[in-house]
Amino acid sequence: MDLGLTCPRFTWPGGDAAIASRFAVAARGADQAGLRSFWVMDHLFQIPNFGAVEDPMLEAYGALSYAAALTDRVSLGALVTCPVHREPGLLVKQVSTLDALSGGRAVLGIGAGWYEPESRGLGLPFPPRAERFERLEETLRIVRQMGSDTDEPYEGRHYRLGRTLNAPQANPPVLIGGSGEKKTLRLVAEYADMCNLMYGADVRHKLGVLRAHCERLGRPYENIEKTLHMRIPDGQSVEESIQRCGELAGLGIDHVIVVVPDAADDRWLAHLAELAAKIAGITPPGR
């Protein structure tokens, strides 16, 4: 079982002037602790449950590029990109650039988007839910085409690209976040290398739905890496974290991506290092 860290908050002692140094501690700490992955949220305003809307929030791909220069081994991605904030061709270029500069460590994390206030606040499009899913699927098709040998035009309902040229070319793993059974998990089965569920979801049931979609599409279920996003609360011991991860592995989760109270605190980085080492020997059923 693998362990990842996401860094959703940038409110640290020292204010805005401390963001760069504390973020660097978190990224380097994840790398040196033996974690598999390091993530940021692709939001523009802070979201509920992590702070006030006025709290600092870094743009995802700028932050990930900075993290790429600070690290050597962790994979790097956003949990998860809202495709309507970036035209698909530009998004592919951003992720391809991250992949090139990190030595092939980028992951394209993507979902339909949900946080309307940031879109309205900054003047970005936020179409109705059905259209967002249509645009998500078209984006996934464009990602696939721009990672192929062709640079032919793409003509879709929402997007038209005259030449799908992508140099340097990259084919990073695609992670789709969300647990909707009719749309999201079907898209995972058809397009993704990884899925991401939220802690608290009925994991066994959701993975059963994903398996059924895979069977209908003729896709090997085992080829999809199952990840889950989980918060580790203040005061939780390493032993408790190991137990929770073990329980998730028993349900079929391959890769737990955690949030901790302070990703730049040495105590939490030590917690994660020990946790990563202890769960490395756990193999989920069917792997």
Protein backbone atom coordinates (compact mmCIF):
# COMPACT_ATOMS: atom_id res chain seq x y z
CA MET A 1 0.00 0.00 0.00
CA ASP A 2 1.23 3.48 -0.89
CA LEU A 3 0.94 6.75 1.00
CA GLY A 4 0.55 10.27 -0.34
CA LEU A 5 0.24 13.72 1.20
CA THR A 6 -1.94 16.59 0.07
CA CYS A 7 -1.28 20.17 1.14
CA PRO A 8 -4.63 21.99 1.18
CA ARG A 9 -3.79 24.87 3.53
CA PHE A 10 -1.21 27.65 3.24
CA THR A 11 -1.98 29.50 6.45
CA TRP A 12 1.19 29.16 8.50
CA PRO A 13 2.87 31.22 11.24
CA GLY A 14 4.57 34.14 9.54
CA GLY A 15 1.73 34.96 7.18
CA ASP A 16 2.05 35.15 3.40
CA ALA A 17 5.80 35.73 3.64
CA ALA A 18 6.21 32.24 5.13
CA ILE A 19 4.26 30.38 2.45
CA ALA A 20 7.22 29.58 0.20
CA SER A 21 9.49 28.28 2.95
CA ARG A 22 6.81 26.25 4.73
CA PHE A 23 5.50 24.77 1.48
CA ALA A 24 9.08 23.78 0.64
CA VAL A 25 9.37 21.98 3.99
CA ALA A 26 6.17 20.05 3.25
CA ALA A 27 7.21 19.04 -0.27
CA ARG A 28 10.75 18.04 0.69
CA GLY A 29 9.42 16.31 3.79
CA ALA A 30 7.06 14.14 1.77
CA ASP A 31 9.86 13.25 -0.61
CA GLN A 32 12.33 12.38 2.15
CA ALA A 33 9.74 10.49 4.20
CA GLY A 34 9.38 7.89 1.46
CA LEU A 35 5.87 8.87 0.38
CA ARG A 36 4.61 7.90 -3.04
CA SER A 37 2.89 11.17 -3.93
CA PHE A 38 2.50 14.87 -3.13
CA TRP A 39 -0.64 16.81 -4.05
CA VAL A 40 -2.23 20.25 -3.88
CA MET A 41 -5.87 21.18 -4.37
CA ASP A 42 -6.76 22.85 -7.63
CA HIS A 43 -8.82 25.62 -6.08
CA LEU A 44 -8.56 29.39 -6.35
CA PHE A 45 -10.41 30.25 -3.14
CA GLN A 46 -10.02 28.27 0.08
CA ILE A 47 -12.84 25.76 0.49
CA PRO A 48 -15.05 25.00 3.50
CA ASN A 49 -13.63 22.63 6.14
CA PHE A 50 -10.07 23.81 5.52
CA GLY A 51 -10.33 27.50 6.41
CA ALA A 52 -11.98 30.81 5.67
CA VAL A 53 -12.56 31.68 2.05
CA GLU A 54 -10.14 34.61 2.47
CA ASP A 55 -7.27 32.30 3.54
CA PRO A 56 -4.36 31.86 1.11
CA MET A 57 -4.77 29.42 -1.79
CA LEU A 58 -2.01 28.83 -4.33
CA GLU A 59 -2.67 28.16 -8.00
CA ALA A 60 -2.10 24.42 -8.42
CA TYR A 61 0.28 24.12 -11.35
CA GLY A 62 2.52 26.97 -10.26
CA ALA A 63 2.77 25.32 -6.84
CA LEU A 64 3.44 21.88 -8.34
CA SER A 65 6.19 23.24 -10.58
CA TYR A 66 7.85 24.73 -7.50
CA ALA A 67 7.48 21.37 -5.73
CA ALA A 68 9.06 19.61 -8.73
CA ALA A 69 12.25 21.62 -8.22
CA LEU A 70 12.35 20.71 -4.53
CA THR A 71 11.79 16.96 -4.83
CA ASP A 72 13.28 13.93 -6.55
CA ARG A 73 10.94 10.96 -6.28
CA VAL A 74 7.33 11.75 -5.31
CA SER A 75 4.70 11.93 -8.02
CA LEU A 76 3.02 15.33 -8.28
CA GLY A 77 -0.58 16.17 -9.01
CA ALA A 78 -3.72 18.17 -8.24
CA LEU A 79 -6.71 16.78 -6.35
CA VAL A 80 -8.43 17.63 -8.64
CA THR A 81 -8.47 20.00 -11.60
CA CYS A 82 -11.76 21.53 -12.69
CA PRO A 83 -11.56 21.34 -16.50
CA VAL A 84 -13.75 24.37 -17.16
CA HIS A 85 -11.11 26.64 -15.60
CA ARG A 86 -8.59 25.86 -18.35
CA GLU A 87 -9.03 25.07 -22.02
CA PRO A 88 -8.07 21.41 -22.53
CA GLY A 89 -5.10 22.14 -24.79
CA LEU A 90 -3.65 24.52 -22.22
CA LEU A 91 -4.23 22.04 -19.40
CA VAL A 92 -2.40 19.30 -21.30
CA LYS A 93 0.52 21.69 -21.90
CA GLN A 94 0.64 22.58 -18.20
CA VAL A 95 0.72 18.95 -17.11
CA SER A 96 3.20 18.01 -19.85
CA THR A 97 5.48 20.83 -18.71
CA LEU A 98 5.27 19.60 -15.12
CA ASP A 99 6.05 16.09 -16.32
CA ALA A 100 9.09 17.22 -18.30
CA LEU A 101 10.50 19.38 -15.51
CA SER A 102 9.92 16.74 -12.83
CA GLY A 103 11.47 13.88 -14.78
CA GLY A 104 8.20 12.09 -15.52
CA ARG A 105 6.51 12.46 -12.12
CA ALA A 106 3.29 14.28 -13.09
CA VAL A 107 -0.20 12.91 -12.54
CA LEU A 108 -3.22 14.53 -14.18
CA GLY A 109 -5.88 14.67 -11.49
CA ILE A 110 -9.21 15.83 -12.86
CA GLY A 111 -12.91 15.96 -11.97
CA ALA A 112 -16.09 17.76 -12.96
CA GLY A 113 -15.67 20.63 -10.48
CA TRP A 114 -18.09 21.71 -7.79
CA TYR A 115 -17.01 24.94 -6.01
CA GLU A 116 -19.03 27.64 -7.75
CA PRO A 117 -18.02 30.64 -5.56
CA GLU A 118 -14.44 30.73 -6.84
CA SER A 119 -15.59 30.59 -10.46
CA ARG A 120 -18.13 33.35 -10.02
CA GLY A 121 -15.71 35.38 -7.92
CA LEU A 122 -12.91 35.35 -10.49
CA GLY A 123 -15.07 35.51 -13.59
CA LEU A 124 -14.45 31.95 -14.73
CA PRO A 125 -17.06 29.77 -16.45
CA PHE A 126 -19.13 27.42 -14.33
CA PRO A 127 -21.75 25.78 -16.53
CA PRO A 128 -24.48 23.49 -15.19
CA ARG A 129 -23.47 20.08 -13.86
CA ALA A 130 -24.49 18.12 -16.96
CA GLU A 131 -22.39 20.37 -19.18
CA ARG A 132 -19.42 20.16 -16.82
CA PHE A 133 -19.46 16.39 -17.19
CA GLU A 134 -19.71 16.72 -20.97
CA ARG A 135 -16.70 19.01 -20.94
CA LEU A 136 -14.84 16.65 -18.60
CA GLU A 137 -15.30 13.75 -21.01
CA GLU A 138 -14.24 15.84 -24.00
CA THR A 139 -11.16 16.94 -22.05
CA LEU A 140 -10.30 13.31 -21.34
CA ARG A 141 -10.59 12.52 -25.05
CA ILE A 142 -8.32 15.46 -25.89
CA VAL A 143 -5.80 14.33 -23.25
CA ARG A 144 -5.72 10.91 -24.91
CA GLN A 145 -5.33 12.36 -28.40
CA MET A 146 -2.57 14.79 -27.41
CA GLY A 147 -0.66 11.89 -25.86
CA SER A 148 -0.83 9.89 -29.09
CA ASP A 149 1.17 10.00 -32.31
CA THR A 150 -1.43 12.09 -34.13
CA ASP A 151 -1.77 15.85 -34.13
CA GLU A 152 -5.00 15.82 -36.12
CA PRO A 153 -7.71 18.35 -35.29
CA TYR A 154 -10.26 17.59 -32.59
CA GLU A 155 -13.90 18.47 -33.17
CA GLY A 156 -16.25 18.11 -30.23
CA ARG A 157 -19.44 19.67 -28.98
CA HIS A 158 -17.67 22.10 -26.65
CA TYR A 159 -14.06 22.16 -27.84
CA ARG A 160 -12.41 22.51 -31.23
CA LEU A 161 -8.66 22.21 -31.57
CA GLY A 162 -7.10 22.89 -34.95
CA ARG A 163 -3.94 20.88 -34.25
CA THR A 164 -3.48 18.65 -31.20
CA LEU A 165 0.29 19.08 -31.14
CA ASN A 166 1.97 18.50 -27.78
CA ALA A 167 5.75 18.80 -27.55
CA PRO A 168 7.31 17.75 -25.29
CA GLN A 169 4.84 14.92 -25.32
CA ALA A 170 3.79 13.26 -22.08
CA ASN A 171 1.41 10.51 -21.05
CA PRO A 172 1.06 11.01 -17.30
CA PRO A 173 -1.34 8.78 -15.37
CA VAL A 174 -4.88 10.14 -15.32
CA LEU A 175 -6.67 10.21 -11.96
CA ILE A 176 -10.38 11.00 -11.86
CA GLY A 177 -11.73 12.21 -8.53
CA GLY A 178 -15.27 11.60 -7.34
CA SER A 179 -17.63 8.74 -6.60
CA GLY A 180 -20.73 9.38 -8.70
CA GLU A 181 -21.90 5.99 -9.85
CA LYS A 182 -23.48 6.77 -13.22
CA LYS A 183 -21.03 9.30 -14.65
CA THR A 184 -17.80 9.62 -12.67
CA LEU A 185 -17.05 5.94 -12.12
CA ARG A 186 -18.01 5.17 -15.72
CA LEU A 187 -15.45 7.77 -16.86
CA VAL A 188 -12.87 6.16 -14.57
CA ALA A 189 -13.49 2.79 -16.19
CA GLU A 190 -13.15 4.22 -19.69
CA TYR A 191 -10.37 6.80 -19.38
CA ALA A 192 -8.48 6.71 -16.08
CA ASP A 193 -5.45 4.99 -14.64
CA MET A 194 -6.45 5.92 -11.09
CA CYS A 195 -9.61 6.80 -9.19
CA ASN A 196 -9.89 8.86 -6.02
CA LEU A 197 -12.65 8.39 -3.44
CA MET A 198 -13.29 10.50 -0.37
CA TYR A 199 -13.04 8.99 3.10
CA GLY A 200 -16.53 8.20 4.35
CA ALA A 201 -17.74 6.85 1.02
CA ASP A 202 -19.04 3.30 0.95
CA VAL A 203 -15.77 2.06 -0.51
CA ARG A 204 -16.78 -1.54 -1.02
CA HIS A 205 -19.96 -0.52 -2.85
CA LYS A 206 -18.28 2.18 -4.96
CA LEU A 207 -15.52 -0.18 -6.06
CA GLY A 208 -18.18 -2.75 -6.91
CA VAL A 209 -19.84 -0.18 -9.17
CA LEU A 210 -16.47 0.59 -10.76
CA ARG A 211 -15.86 -3.11 -11.34
CA ALA A 212 -19.25 -3.42 -13.07
CA HIS A 213 -18.44 -0.48 -15.38
CA CYS A 214 -15.10 -2.10 -16.22
CA GLU A 215 -16.79 -5.38 -17.08
CA ARG A 216 -19.25 -3.64 -19.39
CA LEU A 217 -16.42 -1.82 -21.16
CA GLY A 218 -14.04 -4.77 -21.29
CA ARG A 219 -11.49 -2.95 -19.12
CA PRO A 220 -9.45 -4.94 -16.57
CA TYR A 221 -10.55 -3.65 -13.15
CA GLU A 222 -7.12 -4.52 -11.74
CA ASN A 223 -5.47 -2.01 -14.09
CA ILE A 224 -7.02 0.91 -12.20
CA GLU A 225 -5.23 2.12 -9.08
CA LYS A 226 -7.69 2.85 -6.29
CA THR A 227 -6.82 5.87 -4.14
CA LEU A 228 -8.66 7.47 -1.24
CA HIS A 229 -8.38 10.92 0.31
CA MET A 230 -8.40 10.85 4.13
CA ARG A 231 -7.84 13.33 6.93
CA ILE A 232 -5.64 12.30 9.88
CA PRO A 233 -6.97 14.21 12.91
CA ASP A 234 -4.82 15.91 15.50
CA GLY A 235 -3.86 13.48 18.24
CA GLN A 236 -4.14 10.32 16.17
CA SER A 237 -1.29 7.91 16.83
CA VAL A 238 0.77 6.19 14.15
CA GLU A 239 -0.71 2.86 15.28
CA GLU A 240 -4.23 4.21 14.72
CA SER A 241 -3.23 5.50 11.29
CA ILE A 242 -1.78 2.09 10.40
CA GLN A 243 -5.01 0.41 11.48
CA ARG A 244 -7.16 2.75 9.39
CA CYS A 245 -4.98 2.22 6.34
CA GLY A 246 -5.09 -1.53 6.84
CA GLU A 247 -8.87 -1.46 6.95
CA LEU A 248 -8.96 0.52 3.70
CA ALA A 249 -6.55 -1.90 2.07
CA GLY A 250 -8.92 -4.71 3.03
CA LEU A 251 -11.65 -2.91 1.08
CA GLY A 252 -9.44 -2.66 -2.00
CA ILE A 253 -7.68 0.72 -1.64
CA ASP A 254 -4.12 0.72 -3.01
CA HIS A 255 -2.99 4.25 -2.18
CA VAL A 256 -4.12 6.48 0.71
CA ILE A 257 -3.63 10.24 0.27
CA VAL A 258 -3.78 12.00 3.61
CA VAL A 259 -4.29 15.47 5.00
CA VAL A 260 -2.55 16.22 8.30
CA PRO A 261 -3.02 19.21 10.64
CA ASP A 262 0.32 20.76 9.58
CA ALA A 263 2.14 19.33 6.56
CA ALA A 264 5.23 21.42 7.38
CA ASP A 265 5.58 20.22 10.99
CA ASP A 266 8.45 17.84 11.74
CA ARG A 267 6.27 15.76 14.05
CA TRP A 268 3.72 15.12 11.34
CA LEU A 269 6.38 14.38 8.77
CA ALA A 270 7.86 11.82 11.17
CA HIS A 271 4.37 10.34 11.62
CA LEU A 272 4.04 10.00 7.83
CA ALA A 273 7.49 8.49 7.41
CA GLU A 274 6.72 5.77 9.95
CA LEU A 275 3.26 5.20 8.50
CA ALA A 276 4.60 4.88 4.94
CA ALA A 277 7.18 2.32 6.06
CA LYS A 278 4.66 0.27 8.03
CA ILE A 279 1.97 0.06 5.35
CA ALA A 280 4.39 -0.61 2.47
CA GLY A 281 4.06 -4.33 3.12
CA ILE A 282 0.26 -4.35 2.94
CA THR A 283 -1.14 -5.73 -0.30
CA PRO A 284 -4.83 -5.08 -1.02
CA PRO A 285 -6.83 -8.12 -2.23
CA GLY A 286 -6.50 -8.75 -5.93
CA ARG A 287 -3.20 -6.89 -6.38
